[in-house]
Amino acid sequence: MGKKNTSLSYRIVLDTNCIISALIFSRGKMAWLRHSWQSGSIIPLVSKETVTELLKVLTYPKFKLTKKEQSLLLADFLPYVETVTTREVPRNLPVIRDKADQIFITLAVVAKADALVTGDNDLLIIKDSFKTPPIMTLTEFEQWQKS
């Protein structure tokens, strides 16, 4: 993981759990991630598939979010994203065990993201063998951003 270029915004694919954590737990230890996209130091990359996944997860009963709360959370995220169309899946992509996670690696490669940030073990398991873009945990990404 190289030094970051402080003059640019980093184009980052965040998996759904990272986004949800930053939105729902934004007053705590995840505030830095939400601030990163709101300040423009990162540009979250999304596709139709990843936004569909986010919309679905926001309705999970465990979050107990009303429709209005879901809309407010989306309003704190969607204005800051760059939407990428992923019509063609590149060849030679690693196959992720959980097919639901395949959309994130596809988006990261198609968009030529600077990093894919995830807490998902099905993605983290390939991080040593897959380098373009680098796959990082939230903790690694936070350290990389500060370096």
C-alpha atoms as a PDB file:
ATOM      1  CA  MET A   1       0.000   0.000   0.000  1.00  0.00           C
ATOM      2  CA  GLY A   2       1.710   3.128  -1.225  1.00  0.00           C
ATOM      3  CA  LYS A   3       1.577   6.672  -0.007  1.00  0.00           C
ATOM      4  CA  LYS A   4      -1.530   8.543  -0.925  1.00  0.00           C
ATOM      5  CA  ASN A   5      -1.483  11.574  -3.157  1.00  0.00           C
ATOM      6  CA  THR A   6      -2.930  14.358  -1.024  1.00  0.00           C
ATOM      7  CA  SER A   7      -3.874  16.549  -3.984  1.00  0.00           C
ATOM      8  CA  LEU A   8      -6.527  14.157  -5.275  1.00  0.00           C
ATOM      9  CA  SER A   9      -9.687  12.533  -4.075  1.00  0.00           C
ATOM     10  CA  TYR A  10      -9.412   8.800  -3.860  1.00  0.00           C
ATOM     11  CA  ARG A  11     -11.987   6.792  -5.773  1.00  0.00           C
ATOM     12  CA  ILE A  12     -12.956   4.013  -3.391  1.00  0.00           C
ATOM     13  CA  VAL A  13     -15.375   1.096  -3.502  1.00  0.00           C
ATOM     14  CA  LEU A  14     -16.905   0.647  -0.050  1.00  0.00           C
ATOM     15  CA  ASP A  15     -18.866  -2.512   0.587  1.00  0.00           C
ATOM     16  CA  THR A  16     -22.388  -2.173   1.976  1.00  0.00           C
ATOM     17  CA  ASN A  17     -21.345  -2.951   5.557  1.00  0.00           C
ATOM     18  CA  CYS A  18     -18.789  -0.111   5.506  1.00  0.00           C
ATOM     19  CA  ILE A  19     -21.381   2.354   4.209  1.00  0.00           C
ATOM     20  CA  ILE A  20     -24.037   1.215   6.703  1.00  0.00           C
ATOM     21  CA  SER A  21     -21.558   1.456   9.587  1.00  0.00           C
ATOM     22  CA  ALA A  22     -20.532   4.983   8.584  1.00  0.00           C
ATOM     23  CA  LEU A  23     -24.140   6.108   8.194  1.00  0.00           C
ATOM     24  CA  ILE A  24     -25.690   4.508  11.255  1.00  0.00           C
ATOM     25  CA  PHE A  25     -22.723   4.823  13.625  1.00  0.00           C
ATOM     26  CA  SER A  26     -21.537   8.180  12.323  1.00  0.00           C
ATOM     27  CA  ARG A  27     -21.269   9.780  15.759  1.00  0.00           C
ATOM     28  CA  GLY A  28     -18.796   7.192  17.010  1.00  0.00           C
ATOM     29  CA  LYS A  29     -15.688   5.507  15.727  1.00  0.00           C
ATOM     30  CA  MET A  30     -16.976   5.528  12.132  1.00  0.00           C
ATOM     31  CA  ALA A  31     -17.328   9.323  11.893  1.00  0.00           C
ATOM     32  CA  TRP A  32     -14.015   9.577  10.024  1.00  0.00           C
ATOM     33  CA  LEU A  33     -15.339   7.557   7.060  1.00  0.00           C
ATOM     34  CA  ARG A  34     -18.474   9.655   6.616  1.00  0.00           C
ATOM     35  CA  HIS A  35     -16.331  12.800   6.940  1.00  0.00           C
ATOM     36  CA  SER A  36     -13.977  11.414   4.257  1.00  0.00           C
ATOM     37  CA  TRP A  37     -16.676  11.359   1.597  1.00  0.00           C
ATOM     38  CA  GLN A  38     -18.383  14.542   2.767  1.00  0.00           C
ATOM     39  CA  SER A  39     -15.080  16.453   2.675  1.00  0.00           C
ATOM     40  CA  GLY A  40     -14.223  15.085  -0.764  1.00  0.00           C
ATOM     41  CA  SER A  41     -11.062  13.268   0.306  1.00  0.00           C
ATOM     42  CA  ILE A  42     -12.650  10.104  -1.061  1.00  0.00           C
ATOM     43  CA  ILE A  43     -15.243   9.580  -3.756  1.00  0.00           C
ATOM     44  CA  PRO A  44     -17.280   6.445  -3.100  1.00  0.00           C
ATOM     45  CA  LEU A  45     -17.915   4.500  -6.296  1.00  0.00           C
ATOM     46  CA  VAL A  46     -21.277   2.822  -6.790  1.00  0.00           C
ATOM     47  CA  SER A  47     -23.074   0.845  -9.462  1.00  0.00           C
ATOM     48  CA  LYS A  48     -26.742   0.093  -9.935  1.00  0.00           C
ATOM     49  CA  GLU A  49     -26.112  -3.283  -8.277  1.00  0.00           C
ATOM     50  CA  THR A  50     -24.317  -1.898  -5.215  1.00  0.00           C
ATOM     51  CA  VAL A  51     -26.947   0.814  -4.643  1.00  0.00           C
ATOM     52  CA  THR A  52     -29.704  -1.813  -4.949  1.00  0.00           C
ATOM     53  CA  GLU A  53     -27.901  -3.843  -2.268  1.00  0.00           C
ATOM     54  CA  LEU A  54     -27.600  -0.757  -0.024  1.00  0.00           C
ATOM     55  CA  LEU A  55     -31.314   0.045  -0.407  1.00  0.00           C
ATOM     56  CA  LYS A  56     -32.177  -3.551   0.516  1.00  0.00           C
ATOM     57  CA  VAL A  57     -29.938  -3.609   3.597  1.00  0.00           C
ATOM     58  CA  LEU A  58     -31.353  -0.320   4.914  1.00  0.00           C
ATOM     59  CA  THR A  59     -34.760  -2.032   5.157  1.00  0.00           C
ATOM     60  CA  TYR A  60     -33.494  -4.871   7.379  1.00  0.00           C
ATOM     61  CA  PRO A  61     -35.597  -5.088  10.553  1.00  0.00           C
ATOM     62  CA  LYS A  62     -32.508  -5.121  12.797  1.00  0.00           C
ATOM     63  CA  PHE A  63     -31.822  -1.462  11.922  1.00  0.00           C
ATOM     64  CA  LYS A  64     -35.390  -0.371  12.790  1.00  0.00           C
ATOM     65  CA  LEU A  65     -35.201   2.502  10.286  1.00  0.00           C
ATOM     66  CA  THR A  66     -38.320   4.274   9.121  1.00  0.00           C
ATOM     67  CA  LYS A  67     -38.665   5.176   5.432  1.00  0.00           C
ATOM     68  CA  LYS A  68     -37.829   8.771   6.364  1.00  0.00           C
ATOM     69  CA  GLU A  69     -34.696   7.714   8.281  1.00  0.00           C
ATOM     70  CA  GLN A  70     -33.611   5.564   5.319  1.00  0.00           C
ATOM     71  CA  SER A  71     -34.053   8.564   3.005  1.00  0.00           C
ATOM     72  CA  LEU A  72     -32.068  10.836   5.335  1.00  0.00           C
ATOM     73  CA  LEU A  73     -29.199   8.332   5.479  1.00  0.00           C
ATOM     74  CA  LEU A  74     -29.172   8.003   1.687  1.00  0.00           C
ATOM     75  CA  ALA A  75     -29.117  11.809   1.438  1.00  0.00           C
ATOM     76  CA  ASP A  76     -25.902  11.756   3.500  1.00  0.00           C
ATOM     77  CA  PHE A  77     -24.270   9.367   1.034  1.00  0.00           C
ATOM     78  CA  LEU A  78     -25.647   9.425  -2.522  1.00  0.00           C
ATOM     79  CA  PRO A  79     -24.814  13.088  -3.327  1.00  0.00           C
ATOM     80  CA  TYR A  80     -21.122  12.267  -2.808  1.00  0.00           C
ATOM     81  CA  VAL A  81     -20.846   9.188  -5.009  1.00  0.00           C
ATOM     82  CA  GLU A  82     -19.689   8.581  -8.558  1.00  0.00           C
ATOM     83  CA  THR A  83     -21.910   6.140 -10.413  1.00  0.00           C
ATOM     84  CA  VAL A  84     -20.145   3.631 -12.636  1.00  0.00           C
ATOM     85  CA  THR A  85     -21.866   1.469 -15.224  1.00  0.00           C
ATOM     86  CA  THR A  86     -20.679  -2.137 -15.065  1.00  0.00           C
ATOM     87  CA  ARG A  87     -22.125  -3.552 -18.271  1.00  0.00           C
ATOM     88  CA  GLU A  88     -19.297  -5.931 -19.042  1.00  0.00           C
ATOM     89  CA  VAL A  89     -17.644  -8.022 -16.385  1.00  0.00           C
ATOM     90  CA  PRO A  90     -13.886  -8.142 -16.960  1.00  0.00           C
ATOM     91  CA  ARG A  91     -12.338 -11.530 -17.596  1.00  0.00           C
ATOM     92  CA  ASN A  92     -10.050 -13.168 -15.071  1.00  0.00           C
ATOM     93  CA  LEU A  93     -11.781 -11.698 -12.027  1.00  0.00           C
ATOM     94  CA  PRO A  94     -11.506 -13.875  -8.954  1.00  0.00           C
ATOM     95  CA  VAL A  95     -14.722 -15.705  -8.195  1.00  0.00           C
ATOM     96  CA  ILE A  96     -16.021 -14.739  -4.775  1.00  0.00           C
ATOM     97  CA  ARG A  97     -17.649 -17.495  -2.711  1.00  0.00           C
ATOM     98  CA  ASP A  98     -20.629 -15.306  -1.839  1.00  0.00           C
ATOM     99  CA  LYS A  99     -22.050 -14.224  -5.197  1.00  0.00           C
ATOM    100  CA  ALA A 100     -23.573 -11.119  -3.544  1.00  0.00           C
ATOM    101  CA  ASP A 101     -20.028  -9.816  -2.995  1.00  0.00           C
ATOM    102  CA  GLN A 102     -18.972 -10.275  -6.631  1.00  0.00           C
ATOM    103  CA  ILE A 103     -20.533  -6.885  -7.472  1.00  0.00           C
ATOM    104  CA  PHE A 104     -17.930  -5.079  -5.370  1.00  0.00           C
ATOM    105  CA  ILE A 105     -14.870  -6.642  -6.995  1.00  0.00           C
ATOM    106  CA  THR A 106     -16.433  -6.117 -10.439  1.00  0.00           C
ATOM    107  CA  LEU A 107     -17.128  -2.448  -9.678  1.00  0.00           C
ATOM    108  CA  ALA A 108     -13.638  -1.895  -8.257  1.00  0.00           C
ATOM    109  CA  VAL A 109     -11.968  -3.307 -11.387  1.00  0.00           C
ATOM    110  CA  VAL A 110     -14.290  -1.692 -13.960  1.00  0.00           C
ATOM    111  CA  ALA A 111     -14.014   1.721 -12.245  1.00  0.00           C
ATOM    112  CA  LYS A 112     -10.241   1.415 -11.777  1.00  0.00           C
ATOM    113  CA  ALA A 113     -10.775   2.218  -8.095  1.00  0.00           C
ATOM    114  CA  ASP A 114      -7.867   3.202  -5.869  1.00  0.00           C
ATOM    115  CA  ALA A 115      -9.009   0.610  -3.317  1.00  0.00           C
ATOM    116  CA  LEU A 116     -11.800  -1.754  -2.340  1.00  0.00           C
ATOM    117  CA  VAL A 117     -12.621  -1.372   1.351  1.00  0.00           C
ATOM    118  CA  THR A 118     -14.464  -4.221   3.040  1.00  0.00           C
ATOM    119  CA  GLY A 119     -14.933  -6.174   6.209  1.00  0.00           C
ATOM    120  CA  ASP A 120     -16.245  -9.180   4.327  1.00  0.00           C
ATOM    121  CA  ASN A 121     -14.156 -12.330   4.722  1.00  0.00           C
ATOM    122  CA  ASP A 122     -15.145 -13.568   1.252  1.00  0.00           C
ATOM    123  CA  LEU A 123     -13.390 -10.519  -0.211  1.00  0.00           C
ATOM    124  CA  LEU A 124     -10.564 -10.292   2.341  1.00  0.00           C
ATOM    125  CA  ILE A 125      -9.554 -13.897   1.648  1.00  0.00           C
ATOM    126  CA  ILE A 126      -8.326 -12.890  -1.837  1.00  0.00           C
ATOM    127  CA  LYS A 127      -6.533  -9.681  -0.802  1.00  0.00           C
ATOM    128  CA  ASP A 128      -3.040 -11.218  -0.881  1.00  0.00           C
ATOM    129  CA  SER A 129      -3.485 -12.601  -4.382  1.00  0.00           C
ATOM    130  CA  PHE A 130      -5.490  -9.732  -5.870  1.00  0.00           C
ATOM    131  CA  LYS A 131      -3.688  -6.392  -6.026  1.00  0.00           C
ATOM    132  CA  THR A 132      -5.490  -4.188  -8.574  1.00  0.00           C
ATOM    133  CA  PRO A 133      -7.074  -2.488  -6.814  1.00  0.00           C
ATOM    134  CA  PRO A 134      -5.796  -3.289  -3.336  1.00  0.00           C
ATOM    135  CA  ILE A 135      -8.370  -4.752  -0.963  1.00  0.00           C
ATOM    136  CA  MET A 136      -8.266  -3.248   2.529  1.00  0.00           C
ATOM    137  CA  THR A 137     -10.109  -3.520   5.804  1.00  0.00           C
ATOM    138  CA  LEU A 138     -11.578  -0.324   7.250  1.00  0.00           C
ATOM    139  CA  THR A 139      -8.714  -0.157   9.753  1.00  0.00           C
ATOM    140  CA  GLU A 140      -6.102  -0.537   7.000  1.00  0.00           C
ATOM    141  CA  PHE A 141      -7.865   2.074   4.896  1.00  0.00           C
ATOM    142  CA  GLU A 142      -8.014   4.544   7.784  1.00  0.00           C
ATOM    143  CA  GLN A 143      -4.259   4.112   8.339  1.00  0.00           C
ATOM    144  CA  TRP A 144      -3.558   4.396   4.586  1.00  0.00           C
ATOM    145  CA  GLN A 145      -5.570   7.621   4.401  1.00  0.00           C
ATOM    146  CA  LYS A 146      -3.560   9.115   7.250  1.00  0.00           C
ATOM    147  CA  SER A 147      -0.177   8.130   5.787  1.00  0.00           C
END
